[in-house]
Amino acid sequence: MHIRIHFMISAICLLLMLSVRPASGQINFGDYVYDNDGNVLSGYEIELFVDQPLDFGFLFSNQTDPVSVDLTDDSQIGILEITAVRYMDVFVDVIPPDDLESFESGDRIPVNISYAYANRGVHSGPGSAITVPGMNVRFPIFQRASGQPPAPPPTPPHSGYTPPRETAFLYFFGTIFPDGGLNVGEYTGEIIITISYDGI
């Protein structure tokens, strides 16, 4: 049987909720990045793209041993790209599923999900990622150099200006706990991810 978690991504800002299905999507939000007509200024959008879903692989229906996907399992971890304004911090809040469900049989498999982030600007794999101890975190979209003086203040948002952008990565991993009495089929779940800029 094939066990896989598919991503469902949602973004929230103030009282507005936008949903994006598992494919790539673009989510526009921000309080001070609007022009006089209420449109988001170009370059201030947060873009999300699912590079690869978290995939626990195949199980036998009578299997009772837990199955883990570790942060180092490059071909099985879930990978999500976040592209945003380079000098901004983002808040990330994750709501993982409690279990995976088969839509054919209704059977459920308990699951425990964790995640990590990397904000060095290039996808160098999860080896340099920082594991998040809970389900929410705040981090700069691009890691600032330690021991260096702070950068000059950013250019204020205005029409015609496009700020520098950077990409950070989220890596999802975890463990499932089959009970040995599972029906054959595909088991799926959703990870709800809420992302917003700090200070907006």
N, C-alpha and C. Protein backbone atom coordinates (compact mmCIF):
# COMPACT_ATOMS: atom_id res chain seq x y z
N MET A 1 0.84 -1.17 0.00
CA MET A 1 0.00 0.00 0.00
C MET A 1 0.88 1.23 0.00
N HIS A 2 0.46 2.26 -0.66
CA HIS A 2 1.26 3.47 -0.80
C HIS A 2 0.76 4.52 0.19
N ILE A 3 1.68 5.06 0.98
CA ILE A 3 1.33 6.05 2.00
C ILE A 3 1.96 7.37 1.60
N ARG A 4 1.18 8.41 1.46
CA ARG A 4 1.71 9.71 1.05
C ARG A 4 0.89 10.82 1.70
N ILE A 5 1.57 11.88 2.11
CA ILE A 5 0.86 13.07 2.60
C ILE A 5 0.95 14.12 1.51
N HIS A 6 -0.19 14.64 1.12
CA HIS A 6 -0.23 15.73 0.16
C HIS A 6 -0.35 17.05 0.91
N PHE A 7 0.29 18.09 0.40
CA PHE A 7 0.23 19.40 1.03
C PHE A 7 -1.05 20.13 0.67
N MET A 8 -1.66 20.76 1.66
CA MET A 8 -2.65 21.78 1.40
C MET A 8 -2.07 23.04 2.02
N ILE A 9 -1.96 24.09 1.25
CA ILE A 9 -1.33 25.31 1.72
C ILE A 9 -2.38 26.39 1.87
N SER A 10 -2.35 27.09 2.98
CA SER A 10 -3.23 28.24 3.13
C SER A 10 -2.42 29.40 3.68
N ALA A 11 -2.83 30.60 3.33
CA ALA A 11 -2.14 31.79 3.83
C ALA A 11 -3.16 32.67 4.52
N ILE A 12 -2.73 33.32 5.57
CA ILE A 12 -3.66 34.15 6.33
C ILE A 12 -2.98 35.49 6.63
N CYS A 13 -3.70 36.54 6.49
CA CYS A 13 -3.20 37.86 6.83
C CYS A 13 -4.38 38.66 7.37
N LEU A 14 -4.20 39.23 8.53
CA LEU A 14 -5.28 39.94 9.21
C LEU A 14 -6.48 39.02 9.29
N LEU A 15 -7.63 39.40 8.72
CA LEU A 15 -8.82 38.55 8.81
C LEU A 15 -9.12 37.85 7.49
N LEU A 16 -8.18 37.89 6.54
CA LEU A 16 -8.39 37.34 5.22
C LEU A 16 -7.78 35.95 5.13
N MET A 17 -8.54 34.98 4.65
CA MET A 17 -8.03 33.62 4.48
C MET A 17 -8.08 33.28 3.01
N LEU A 18 -6.94 32.89 2.45
CA LEU A 18 -6.83 32.47 1.07
C LEU A 18 -6.38 31.03 1.06
N SER A 19 -6.95 30.20 0.21
CA SER A 19 -6.52 28.81 0.13
C SER A 19 -5.91 28.53 -1.22
N VAL A 20 -4.90 27.68 -1.21
CA VAL A 20 -4.23 27.26 -2.43
C VAL A 20 -4.22 25.75 -2.41
N ARG A 21 -4.56 25.12 -3.51
CA ARG A 21 -4.53 23.66 -3.59
C ARG A 21 -3.09 23.18 -3.69
N PRO A 22 -2.85 21.88 -3.74
CA PRO A 22 -1.49 21.36 -3.65
C PRO A 22 -0.50 21.78 -4.74
N ALA A 23 -0.96 22.33 -5.83
CA ALA A 23 0.00 22.80 -6.85
C ALA A 23 0.62 24.11 -6.40
N SER A 24 1.51 24.64 -7.23
CA SER A 24 2.14 25.91 -6.86
C SER A 24 1.07 26.99 -6.84
N GLY A 25 1.31 28.05 -6.09
CA GLY A 25 0.35 29.13 -6.01
C GLY A 25 1.01 30.41 -5.59
N GLN A 26 0.31 31.49 -5.78
CA GLN A 26 0.81 32.79 -5.38
C GLN A 26 -0.21 33.40 -4.44
N ILE A 27 0.28 33.94 -3.35
CA ILE A 27 -0.59 34.52 -2.34
C ILE A 27 -0.13 35.94 -2.10
N ASN A 28 -1.02 36.90 -2.32
CA ASN A 28 -0.68 38.31 -2.14
C ASN A 28 -1.24 38.79 -0.83
N PHE A 29 -0.42 39.39 0.00
CA PHE A 29 -0.93 40.01 1.20
C PHE A 29 0.09 40.97 1.77
N GLY A 30 -0.37 41.89 2.60
CA GLY A 30 0.49 42.88 3.20
C GLY A 30 -0.34 44.11 3.51
N ASP A 31 0.00 44.81 4.54
CA ASP A 31 -0.77 45.95 4.95
C ASP A 31 -0.25 47.23 4.32
N TYR A 32 1.06 47.39 4.29
CA TYR A 32 1.62 48.63 3.79
C TYR A 32 2.17 48.49 2.37
N VAL A 33 1.93 47.40 1.70
CA VAL A 33 2.47 47.19 0.37
C VAL A 33 1.40 47.36 -0.72
N TYR A 34 0.34 48.09 -0.43
CA TYR A 34 -0.71 48.37 -1.39
C TYR A 34 -0.52 49.74 -2.01
N ASP A 35 -0.92 49.88 -3.29
CA ASP A 35 -0.92 51.21 -3.90
C ASP A 35 -2.21 51.92 -3.55
N ASN A 36 -2.43 53.09 -4.11
CA ASN A 36 -3.62 53.90 -3.79
C ASN A 36 -4.91 53.24 -4.23
N ASP A 37 -4.83 52.30 -5.17
CA ASP A 37 -6.03 51.60 -5.64
C ASP A 37 -6.29 50.30 -4.88
N GLY A 38 -5.47 49.99 -3.88
CA GLY A 38 -5.64 48.77 -3.09
C GLY A 38 -4.99 47.55 -3.69
N ASN A 39 -4.16 47.73 -4.72
CA ASN A 39 -3.46 46.60 -5.34
C ASN A 39 -2.12 46.38 -4.65
N VAL A 40 -1.72 45.10 -4.52
CA VAL A 40 -0.42 44.79 -3.93
C VAL A 40 0.67 45.27 -4.89
N LEU A 41 1.65 45.98 -4.35
CA LEU A 41 2.76 46.44 -5.18
C LEU A 41 3.56 45.25 -5.69
N SER A 42 4.00 45.36 -6.92
CA SER A 42 4.77 44.29 -7.54
C SER A 42 6.02 43.98 -6.72
N GLY A 43 6.28 42.69 -6.52
CA GLY A 43 7.47 42.27 -5.80
C GLY A 43 7.24 41.98 -4.33
N TYR A 44 6.08 42.33 -3.78
CA TYR A 44 5.82 42.12 -2.36
C TYR A 44 4.95 40.88 -2.10
N GLU A 45 4.61 40.14 -3.15
CA GLU A 45 3.83 38.93 -2.99
C GLU A 45 4.68 37.86 -2.31
N ILE A 46 4.00 36.94 -1.64
CA ILE A 46 4.67 35.74 -1.15
C ILE A 46 4.24 34.61 -2.08
N GLU A 47 5.22 33.92 -2.65
CA GLU A 47 4.93 32.83 -3.56
C GLU A 47 5.32 31.51 -2.90
N LEU A 48 4.45 30.53 -3.05
CA LEU A 48 4.67 29.20 -2.47
C LEU A 48 4.67 28.17 -3.59
N PHE A 49 5.56 27.20 -3.47
CA PHE A 49 5.61 26.14 -4.47
C PHE A 49 6.00 24.84 -3.77
N VAL A 50 5.19 23.82 -3.97
CA VAL A 50 5.50 22.50 -3.41
C VAL A 50 6.43 21.78 -4.38
N ASP A 51 7.69 21.61 -3.98
CA ASP A 51 8.67 20.90 -4.81
C ASP A 51 8.42 19.39 -4.81
N GLN A 52 8.09 18.86 -3.62
CA GLN A 52 7.85 17.42 -3.54
C GLN A 52 7.03 17.13 -2.29
N PRO A 53 6.04 16.21 -2.40
CA PRO A 53 5.23 15.87 -1.23
C PRO A 53 6.00 14.95 -0.28
N LEU A 54 5.61 14.95 0.97
CA LEU A 54 6.15 14.00 1.93
C LEU A 54 5.61 12.62 1.58
N ASP A 55 6.49 11.64 1.44
CA ASP A 55 6.11 10.32 0.92
C ASP A 55 6.69 9.22 1.81
N PHE A 56 5.80 8.46 2.47
CA PHE A 56 6.24 7.38 3.35
C PHE A 56 6.44 6.06 2.61
N GLY A 57 6.17 6.02 1.32
CA GLY A 57 6.43 4.82 0.54
C GLY A 57 5.36 3.76 0.69
N PHE A 58 5.75 2.49 0.50
CA PHE A 58 4.83 1.36 0.52
C PHE A 58 4.91 0.60 1.84
N LEU A 59 3.76 0.07 2.28
CA LEU A 59 3.69 -0.76 3.49
C LEU A 59 2.99 -2.07 3.16
N PHE A 60 3.20 -3.06 3.99
CA PHE A 60 2.40 -4.28 3.95
C PHE A 60 1.19 -4.08 4.85
N SER A 61 0.06 -4.67 4.49
CA SER A 61 -1.16 -4.44 5.26
C SER A 61 -1.07 -4.97 6.69
N ASN A 62 -0.19 -5.95 6.94
CA ASN A 62 -0.06 -6.49 8.30
C ASN A 62 1.11 -5.87 9.07
N GLN A 63 1.70 -4.81 8.54
CA GLN A 63 2.88 -4.19 9.16
C GLN A 63 2.50 -3.46 10.45
N THR A 64 3.31 -3.65 11.48
CA THR A 64 3.07 -2.97 12.76
C THR A 64 4.24 -2.10 13.20
N ASP A 65 5.38 -2.18 12.52
CA ASP A 65 6.53 -1.36 12.89
C ASP A 65 6.34 0.07 12.39
N PRO A 66 6.71 1.06 13.20
CA PRO A 66 6.63 2.45 12.73
C PRO A 66 7.53 2.65 11.50
N VAL A 67 7.12 3.59 10.64
CA VAL A 67 7.88 3.92 9.44
C VAL A 67 8.23 5.40 9.52
N SER A 68 9.52 5.70 9.42
CA SER A 68 9.98 7.09 9.54
C SER A 68 10.59 7.59 8.25
N VAL A 69 10.34 8.86 7.98
CA VAL A 69 11.07 9.61 6.96
C VAL A 69 11.86 10.64 7.74
N ASP A 70 13.19 10.52 7.69
CA ASP A 70 14.06 11.43 8.42
C ASP A 70 14.38 12.65 7.57
N LEU A 71 14.84 13.70 8.22
CA LEU A 71 15.22 14.93 7.54
C LEU A 71 16.27 14.69 6.46
N THR A 72 17.05 13.64 6.62
CA THR A 72 18.12 13.34 5.65
C THR A 72 17.65 12.49 4.47
N ASP A 73 16.39 12.08 4.46
CA ASP A 73 15.84 11.27 3.36
C ASP A 73 15.39 12.17 2.22
N ASP A 74 16.36 12.64 1.43
CA ASP A 74 16.09 13.65 0.39
C ASP A 74 14.96 13.29 -0.56
N SER A 75 14.82 12.03 -0.93
CA SER A 75 13.82 11.67 -1.94
C SER A 75 12.42 11.49 -1.35
N GLN A 76 12.28 11.52 -0.01
CA GLN A 76 10.97 11.29 0.60
C GLN A 76 10.45 12.47 1.40
N ILE A 77 11.31 13.37 1.85
CA ILE A 77 10.84 14.51 2.64
C ILE A 77 9.96 15.41 1.78
N GLY A 78 9.04 16.13 2.43
CA GLY A 78 8.26 17.14 1.73
C GLY A 78 9.08 18.42 1.65
N ILE A 79 9.05 19.08 0.49
CA ILE A 79 9.81 20.31 0.30
C ILE A 79 8.88 21.40 -0.21
N LEU A 80 8.86 22.53 0.50
CA LEU A 80 8.05 23.69 0.11
C LEU A 80 8.96 24.90 -0.02
N GLU A 81 8.87 25.61 -1.15
CA GLU A 81 9.62 26.86 -1.36
C GLU A 81 8.76 28.05 -0.97
N ILE A 82 9.38 29.02 -0.29
CA ILE A 82 8.73 30.30 0.03
C ILE A 82 9.59 31.39 -0.58
N THR A 83 9.04 32.14 -1.53
CA THR A 83 9.76 33.26 -2.13
C THR A 83 9.09 34.54 -1.68
N ALA A 84 9.89 35.44 -1.11
CA ALA A 84 9.34 36.67 -0.54
C ALA A 84 10.43 37.75 -0.56
N VAL A 85 10.09 38.92 -0.01
CA VAL A 85 11.03 40.04 0.04
C VAL A 85 12.23 39.65 0.90
N ARG A 86 13.41 39.83 0.37
CA ARG A 86 14.66 39.34 0.96
C ARG A 86 14.89 39.81 2.40
N TYR A 87 14.56 41.03 2.74
CA TYR A 87 14.90 41.58 4.06
C TYR A 87 13.77 41.43 5.08
N MET A 88 12.68 40.75 4.72
CA MET A 88 11.55 40.60 5.63
C MET A 88 11.65 39.30 6.43
N ASP A 89 11.05 39.31 7.62
CA ASP A 89 10.86 38.08 8.39
C ASP A 89 9.48 37.52 8.05
N VAL A 90 9.36 36.21 8.12
CA VAL A 90 8.06 35.57 7.92
C VAL A 90 7.70 34.76 9.16
N PHE A 91 6.41 34.70 9.44
CA PHE A 91 5.86 33.80 10.45
C PHE A 91 5.31 32.59 9.72
N VAL A 92 5.65 31.40 10.20
CA VAL A 92 5.14 30.16 9.62
C VAL A 92 4.43 29.39 10.74
N ASP A 93 3.19 29.01 10.48
CA ASP A 93 2.41 28.22 11.43
C ASP A 93 1.94 26.97 10.70
N VAL A 94 2.19 25.80 11.28
CA VAL A 94 1.87 24.53 10.64
C VAL A 94 0.85 23.78 11.49
N ILE A 95 -0.19 23.28 10.84
CA ILE A 95 -1.16 22.40 11.51
C ILE A 95 -1.06 21.05 10.80
N PRO A 96 -0.40 20.08 11.44
CA PRO A 96 -0.25 18.77 10.80
C PRO A 96 -1.48 17.90 11.03
N PRO A 97 -1.67 16.88 10.21
CA PRO A 97 -2.78 15.95 10.47
C PRO A 97 -2.44 15.04 11.65
N ASP A 98 -3.46 14.54 12.33
CA ASP A 98 -3.25 13.55 13.39
C ASP A 98 -3.05 12.16 12.82
N ASP A 99 -3.65 11.94 11.64
CA ASP A 99 -3.53 10.64 11.01
C ASP A 99 -3.71 10.77 9.50
N LEU A 100 -3.36 9.70 8.80
CA LEU A 100 -3.59 9.60 7.36
C LEU A 100 -4.83 8.75 7.17
N GLU A 101 -5.61 9.04 6.13
CA GLU A 101 -6.87 8.33 5.94
C GLU A 101 -6.93 7.75 4.53
N SER A 102 -7.49 6.54 4.45
CA SER A 102 -7.80 5.92 3.17
C SER A 102 -9.22 6.31 2.79
N PHE A 103 -9.38 6.92 1.62
CA PHE A 103 -10.73 7.31 1.20
C PHE A 103 -11.54 6.11 0.76
N GLU A 104 -10.86 5.00 0.40
CA GLU A 104 -11.58 3.79 0.00
C GLU A 104 -12.19 3.07 1.21
N SER A 105 -11.39 2.88 2.26
CA SER A 105 -11.84 2.07 3.39
C SER A 105 -12.19 2.88 4.65
N GLY A 106 -11.69 4.10 4.72
CA GLY A 106 -11.89 4.89 5.95
C GLY A 106 -10.89 4.57 7.04
N ASP A 107 -9.98 3.60 6.79
CA ASP A 107 -8.94 3.28 7.77
C ASP A 107 -8.04 4.48 8.01
N ARG A 108 -7.46 4.54 9.19
CA ARG A 108 -6.58 5.65 9.55
C ARG A 108 -5.26 5.11 10.11
N ILE A 109 -4.18 5.87 9.84
CA ILE A 109 -2.86 5.55 10.37
C ILE A 109 -2.37 6.78 11.13
N PRO A 110 -2.10 6.68 12.43
CA PRO A 110 -1.57 7.82 13.17
C PRO A 110 -0.24 8.29 12.57
N VAL A 111 -0.02 9.61 12.58
CA VAL A 111 1.18 10.19 12.01
C VAL A 111 1.69 11.30 12.92
N ASN A 112 3.00 11.46 12.97
CA ASN A 112 3.64 12.53 13.72
C ASN A 112 4.53 13.29 12.73
N ILE A 113 4.24 14.58 12.52
CA ILE A 113 4.95 15.39 11.52
C ILE A 113 5.83 16.42 12.22
N SER A 114 7.03 16.63 11.68
CA SER A 114 7.94 17.69 12.11
C SER A 114 8.39 18.45 10.88
N TYR A 115 9.03 19.62 11.09
CA TYR A 115 9.57 20.33 9.95
C TYR A 115 10.77 21.17 10.34
N ALA A 116 11.50 21.59 9.31
CA ALA A 116 12.70 22.41 9.48
C ALA A 116 12.69 23.46 8.38
N TYR A 117 13.51 24.50 8.55
CA TYR A 117 13.61 25.52 7.50
C TYR A 117 15.07 25.80 7.18
N ALA A 118 15.31 26.26 5.96
CA ALA A 118 16.63 26.70 5.52
C ALA A 118 16.44 28.03 4.81
N ASN A 119 17.24 29.01 5.19
CA ASN A 119 17.07 30.36 4.63
C ASN A 119 18.41 30.94 4.16
N ARG A 120 19.15 30.14 3.45
CA ARG A 120 20.45 30.61 2.93
C ARG A 120 20.37 30.98 1.46
N GLY A 121 19.17 30.91 0.88
CA GLY A 121 18.98 31.41 -0.47
C GLY A 121 19.13 30.39 -1.58
N VAL A 122 19.76 29.27 -1.32
CA VAL A 122 19.91 28.23 -2.34
C VAL A 122 19.43 26.91 -1.76
N HIS A 123 18.91 26.08 -2.63
CA HIS A 123 18.44 24.76 -2.18
C HIS A 123 19.63 23.82 -2.11
N SER A 124 20.26 23.80 -0.94
CA SER A 124 21.43 22.95 -0.74
C SER A 124 21.06 21.66 -0.01
N GLY A 125 19.77 21.41 0.11
CA GLY A 125 19.32 20.22 0.82
C GLY A 125 19.09 20.51 2.29
N PRO A 126 18.47 19.57 2.99
CA PRO A 126 18.10 19.79 4.38
C PRO A 126 19.25 19.69 5.38
N GLY A 127 20.46 19.41 4.92
CA GLY A 127 21.58 19.25 5.84
C GLY A 127 21.86 20.49 6.67
N SER A 128 21.60 21.66 6.12
CA SER A 128 21.85 22.91 6.86
C SER A 128 20.57 23.48 7.45
N ALA A 129 19.48 22.73 7.39
CA ALA A 129 18.19 23.22 7.88
C ALA A 129 18.14 23.24 9.40
N ILE A 130 17.30 24.13 9.92
CA ILE A 130 17.10 24.28 11.36
C ILE A 130 15.75 23.66 11.71
N THR A 131 15.77 22.63 12.55
CA THR A 131 14.52 21.96 12.94
C THR A 131 13.73 22.86 13.89
N VAL A 132 12.44 22.97 13.61
CA VAL A 132 11.54 23.80 14.42
C VAL A 132 11.05 22.94 15.59
N PRO A 133 11.22 23.41 16.85
CA PRO A 133 10.84 22.58 17.99
C PRO A 133 9.33 22.41 18.16
N GLY A 134 8.54 23.32 17.66
CA GLY A 134 7.09 23.22 17.76
C GLY A 134 6.48 23.21 16.36
N MET A 135 5.35 23.89 16.23
CA MET A 135 4.70 23.97 14.92
C MET A 135 4.68 25.37 14.35
N ASN A 136 5.28 26.35 15.05
CA ASN A 136 5.35 27.69 14.46
C ASN A 136 6.72 28.30 14.70
N VAL A 137 7.10 29.20 13.77
CA VAL A 137 8.43 29.78 13.83
C VAL A 137 8.41 31.12 13.10
N ARG A 138 9.31 31.98 13.50
CA ARG A 138 9.56 33.24 12.79
C ARG A 138 11.03 33.23 12.37
N PHE A 139 11.30 33.55 11.10
CA PHE A 139 12.68 33.60 10.64
C PHE A 139 12.80 34.59 9.48
N PRO A 140 14.00 35.14 9.27
CA PRO A 140 14.21 36.00 8.10
C PRO A 140 14.20 35.16 6.83
N ILE A 141 13.60 35.68 5.77
CA ILE A 141 13.54 34.92 4.53
C ILE A 141 14.94 34.63 4.00
N PHE A 142 15.91 35.49 4.34
CA PHE A 142 17.31 35.25 3.99
C PHE A 142 18.15 35.46 5.25
N GLN A 143 18.94 34.46 5.60
CA GLN A 143 19.74 34.51 6.83
C GLN A 143 20.71 35.69 6.80
N ARG A 144 20.69 36.47 7.86
CA ARG A 144 21.59 37.61 7.96
C ARG A 144 22.97 37.14 8.42
N ALA A 145 24.00 37.81 7.94
CA ALA A 145 25.36 37.44 8.31
C ALA A 145 25.61 37.75 9.77
N SER A 146 26.15 36.79 10.52
CA SER A 146 26.43 37.04 11.94
C SER A 146 27.74 37.81 12.07
N GLY A 147 27.80 38.66 13.07
CA GLY A 147 29.00 39.43 13.32
C GLY A 147 29.16 40.64 12.42
N GLN A 148 28.21 40.86 11.53
CA GLN A 148 28.27 42.00 10.62
C GLN A 148 27.34 43.09 11.14
N PRO A 149 27.66 44.36 10.84
CA PRO A 149 26.74 45.42 11.23
C PRO A 149 25.43 45.28 10.46
N PRO A 150 24.33 45.81 11.02
CA PRO A 150 23.06 45.70 10.31
C PRO A 150 23.12 46.40 8.96
N ALA A 151 22.34 45.88 8.04
CA ALA A 151 22.26 46.48 6.71
C ALA A 151 21.56 47.84 6.80
N PRO A 152 21.75 48.69 5.81
CA PRO A 152 21.03 49.96 5.83
C PRO A 152 19.53 49.71 5.72
N PRO A 153 18.72 50.68 6.12
CA PRO A 153 17.27 50.47 6.04
C PRO A 153 16.84 50.21 4.60
N PRO A 154 15.83 49.37 4.42
CA PRO A 154 15.38 49.07 3.06
C PRO A 154 14.69 50.28 2.43
N THR A 155 14.64 50.26 1.12
CA THR A 155 13.91 51.30 0.39
C THR A 155 12.43 51.15 0.71
N PRO A 156 11.75 52.25 1.06
CA PRO A 156 10.33 52.15 1.38
C PRO A 156 9.53 51.68 0.16
N PRO A 157 8.45 50.92 0.39
CA PRO A 157 7.61 50.47 -0.72
C PRO A 157 7.01 51.67 -1.45
N HIS A 158 7.04 51.63 -2.76
CA HIS A 158 6.38 52.65 -3.56
C HIS A 158 6.18 52.10 -4.97
N SER A 159 5.26 52.71 -5.68
CA SER A 159 4.93 52.26 -7.03
C SER A 159 6.17 52.34 -7.91
N GLY A 160 6.40 51.30 -8.69
CA GLY A 160 7.53 51.26 -9.60
C GLY A 160 8.79 50.64 -9.02
N TYR A 161 8.83 50.40 -7.72
CA TYR A 161 10.00 49.80 -7.08
C TYR A 161 9.74 48.32 -6.83
N THR A 162 10.67 47.48 -7.20
CA THR A 162 10.56 46.05 -6.92
C THR A 162 11.68 45.68 -5.94
N PRO A 163 11.33 45.25 -4.74
CA PRO A 163 12.34 44.92 -3.74
C PRO A 163 13.08 43.63 -4.10
N PRO A 164 14.28 43.44 -3.55
CA PRO A 164 14.99 42.17 -3.80
C PRO A 164 14.22 41.01 -3.16
N ARG A 165 14.23 39.87 -3.84
CA ARG A 165 13.48 38.71 -3.36
C ARG A 165 14.44 37.54 -3.12
N GLU A 166 14.01 36.63 -2.26
CA GLU A 166 14.84 35.47 -1.94
C GLU A 166 13.91 34.29 -1.68
N THR A 167 14.47 33.10 -1.71
CA THR A 167 13.70 31.88 -1.47
C THR A 167 14.22 31.15 -0.24
N ALA A 168 13.31 30.78 0.64
CA ALA A 168 13.61 29.92 1.79
C ALA A 168 12.89 28.59 1.56
N PHE A 169 13.28 27.56 2.30
CA PHE A 169 12.72 26.23 2.10
C PHE A 169 12.23 25.65 3.41
N LEU A 170 11.08 24.97 3.36
CA LEU A 170 10.57 24.18 4.48
C LEU A 170 10.71 22.71 4.10
N TYR A 171 11.16 21.90 5.07
CA TYR A 171 11.33 20.46 4.86
C TYR A 171 10.47 19.72 5.89
N PHE A 172 9.59 18.84 5.41
CA PHE A 172 8.69 18.10 6.28
C PHE A 172 9.10 16.63 6.35
N PHE A 173 9.04 16.07 7.55
CA PHE A 173 9.43 14.68 7.78
C PHE A 173 8.60 14.15 8.94
N GLY A 174 8.69 12.87 9.27
CA GLY A 174 7.90 12.35 10.37
C GLY A 174 7.85 10.84 10.42
N THR A 175 6.88 10.33 11.20
CA THR A 175 6.73 8.90 11.45
C THR A 175 5.25 8.52 11.40
N ILE A 176 4.97 7.38 10.78
CA ILE A 176 3.62 6.82 10.83
C ILE A 176 3.64 5.55 11.67
N PHE A 177 2.48 5.21 12.24
CA PHE A 177 2.37 4.09 13.18
C PHE A 177 1.27 3.12 12.75
N PRO A 178 1.54 2.24 11.77
CA PRO A 178 0.52 1.28 11.32
C PRO A 178 0.19 0.28 12.42
N ASP A 179 -1.05 -0.22 12.41
CA ASP A 179 -1.47 -1.14 13.48
C ASP A 179 -1.59 -2.59 13.03
N GLY A 180 -1.24 -2.88 11.77
CA GLY A 180 -1.24 -4.27 11.31
C GLY A 180 -2.54 -4.73 10.71
N GLY A 181 -3.59 -3.94 10.77
CA GLY A 181 -4.87 -4.38 10.21
C GLY A 181 -5.38 -3.44 9.13
N LEU A 182 -4.50 -2.96 8.28
CA LEU A 182 -4.87 -1.94 7.30
C LEU A 182 -5.33 -2.55 5.99
N ASN A 183 -6.34 -1.94 5.38
CA ASN A 183 -6.76 -2.31 4.04
C ASN A 183 -5.82 -1.69 3.02
N VAL A 184 -5.66 -2.35 1.89
CA VAL A 184 -4.80 -1.85 0.83
C VAL A 184 -5.41 -0.58 0.24
N GLY A 185 -4.56 0.39 -0.10
CA GLY A 185 -5.02 1.63 -0.71
C GLY A 185 -4.06 2.76 -0.45
N GLU A 186 -4.41 3.93 -0.94
CA GLU A 186 -3.59 5.11 -0.71
C GLU A 186 -4.12 5.87 0.49
N TYR A 187 -3.22 6.24 1.39
CA TYR A 187 -3.57 6.96 2.60
C TYR A 187 -2.99 8.38 2.49
N THR A 188 -3.80 9.37 2.70
CA THR A 188 -3.36 10.75 2.53
C THR A 188 -3.77 11.61 3.72
N GLY A 189 -3.15 12.77 3.81
CA GLY A 189 -3.50 13.75 4.83
C GLY A 189 -3.11 15.13 4.32
N GLU A 190 -3.47 16.15 5.05
CA GLU A 190 -3.17 17.52 4.67
C GLU A 190 -2.37 18.20 5.76
N ILE A 191 -1.39 18.98 5.34
CA ILE A 191 -0.64 19.84 6.25
C ILE A 191 -1.06 21.26 5.92
N ILE A 192 -1.63 21.96 6.87
CA ILE A 192 -2.06 23.34 6.65
C ILE A 192 -0.95 24.27 7.12
N ILE A 193 -0.52 25.14 6.21
CA ILE A 193 0.61 26.03 6.47
C ILE A 193 0.13 27.46 6.32
N THR A 194 0.32 28.25 7.36
CA THR A 194 -0.05 29.67 7.34
C THR A 194 1.23 30.50 7.36
N ILE A 195 1.38 31.40 6.38
CA ILE A 195 2.59 32.21 6.27
C ILE A 195 2.22 33.67 6.14
N SER A 196 2.91 34.53 6.90
CA SER A 196 2.69 35.96 6.81
C SER A 196 3.99 36.69 7.09
N TYR A 197 4.09 37.93 6.62
CA TYR A 197 5.23 38.78 6.95
C TYR A 197 5.13 39.22 8.40
N ASP A 198 6.26 39.40 9.04
CA ASP A 198 6.32 39.99 10.37
C ASP A 198 6.01 41.48 10.26
N GLY A 199 5.19 42.00 11.16
CA GLY A 199 4.91 43.41 11.22
C GLY A 199 3.85 43.88 10.26
N ILE A 200 3.14 42.95 9.63
CA ILE A 200 2.08 43.36 8.70
C ILE A 200 0.75 42.91 9.23
